């Protein structure tokens, strides 16, 4: 069962994957904008700074898009690059 706040904010269950992707992207943009001035700050993940996490997120998005378009793509590295 989903938390009440999650449903009230309009994030109820949906099967429209593009809609979910759009929502997640919008949410993420707000977080990225707020973190842009803190690129060298450590994250809770060992050996990862904010910059590493943001790079990983971008690589993941590129992987998803390429895969969705039917192109061969390698998943992002599991460790900071």
Protein backbone atom coordinates (compact mmCIF):
# COMPACT_ATOMS: atom_id res chain seq x y z
CA UNK A 1 0.00 0.00 0.00
CA UNK A 2 1.25 3.47 -0.86
CA UNK A 3 1.66 6.15 1.83
CA UNK A 4 -1.28 8.54 2.00
CA UNK A 5 0.87 11.60 1.20
CA UNK A 6 2.21 9.89 -1.93
CA UNK A 7 -1.30 9.37 -3.26
CA UNK A 8 -2.54 12.84 -2.20
CA UNK A 9 0.31 14.51 -4.12
CA UNK A 10 -0.82 12.84 -7.33
CA UNK A 11 1.70 10.03 -7.44
CA UNK A 12 -0.82 7.22 -7.39
CA UNK A 13 -0.31 4.04 -9.37
CA UNK A 14 -0.31 4.38 -13.14
CA UNK A 15 0.71 2.13 -15.99
CA UNK A 16 1.66 4.97 -18.35
CA UNK A 17 5.44 4.60 -18.32
CA UNK A 18 6.06 7.83 -20.21
CA UNK A 19 3.97 9.72 -17.66
CA UNK A 20 5.93 8.16 -14.82
CA UNK A 21 9.21 8.95 -16.55
CA UNK A 22 8.09 12.57 -17.02
CA UNK A 23 7.10 12.93 -13.37
CA UNK A 24 10.36 11.43 -12.19
CA UNK A 25 12.33 13.71 -14.50
CA UNK A 26 10.53 16.82 -13.25
CA UNK A 27 11.09 15.82 -9.62
CA UNK A 28 14.76 15.12 -10.32
CA UNK A 29 15.34 18.47 -12.05
CA UNK A 30 14.35 20.27 -8.86
CA UNK A 31 16.78 18.20 -6.83
CA UNK A 32 19.61 18.67 -9.33
CA UNK A 33 19.13 22.44 -9.37
CA UNK A 34 19.38 22.53 -5.59
CA UNK A 35 22.54 20.41 -5.56
CA UNK A 36 24.43 22.21 -8.32
CA UNK A 37 26.39 24.34 -5.84
CA UNK A 38 27.39 21.29 -3.77
CA UNK A 39 29.11 19.07 -6.35
CA UNK A 40 32.04 18.12 -4.11
CA UNK A 41 29.91 17.20 -1.08
CA UNK A 42 29.92 13.53 -0.04
CA UNK A 43 26.77 11.43 -0.38
CA UNK A 44 25.62 8.58 1.91
CA UNK A 45 27.13 6.19 -0.67
CA UNK A 46 30.76 5.33 0.03
CA UNK A 47 33.19 7.07 -2.36
CA UNK A 48 30.45 9.04 -4.14
CA UNK A 49 30.29 12.84 -4.19
CA UNK A 50 27.27 14.73 -5.52
CA UNK A 51 29.08 15.14 -8.86
CA UNK A 52 29.56 11.36 -9.14
CA UNK A 53 25.90 10.73 -8.36
CA UNK A 54 24.73 13.29 -10.91
CA UNK A 55 27.02 11.80 -13.57
CA UNK A 56 25.64 8.34 -12.78
CA UNK A 57 22.09 9.63 -13.08
CA UNK A 58 22.88 11.17 -16.48
CA UNK A 59 24.50 7.94 -17.71
CA UNK A 60 21.42 6.04 -16.53
CA UNK A 61 19.10 8.39 -18.46
CA UNK A 62 21.22 8.03 -21.59
CA UNK A 63 21.04 4.25 -21.21
CA UNK A 64 17.25 4.31 -20.82
CA UNK A 65 16.75 6.55 -23.86
CA UNK A 66 19.09 4.54 -26.09
CA UNK A 67 17.46 1.28 -25.00
CA UNK A 68 13.97 2.65 -25.58
CA UNK A 69 14.99 3.70 -29.09
CA UNK A 70 16.22 0.18 -29.81
CA UNK A 71 19.91 1.05 -29.80
CA UNK A 72 22.55 -1.08 -28.16
CA UNK A 73 23.59 0.56 -24.92
CA UNK A 74 25.72 -0.32 -21.95
CA UNK A 75 24.33 0.23 -18.49
CA UNK A 76 26.07 2.84 -16.37
CA UNK A 77 29.06 1.91 -14.26
CA UNK A 78 28.17 0.76 -10.74
CA UNK A 79 31.12 2.75 -9.35
CA UNK A 80 32.05 6.44 -9.66
CA UNK A 81 34.01 7.28 -12.80
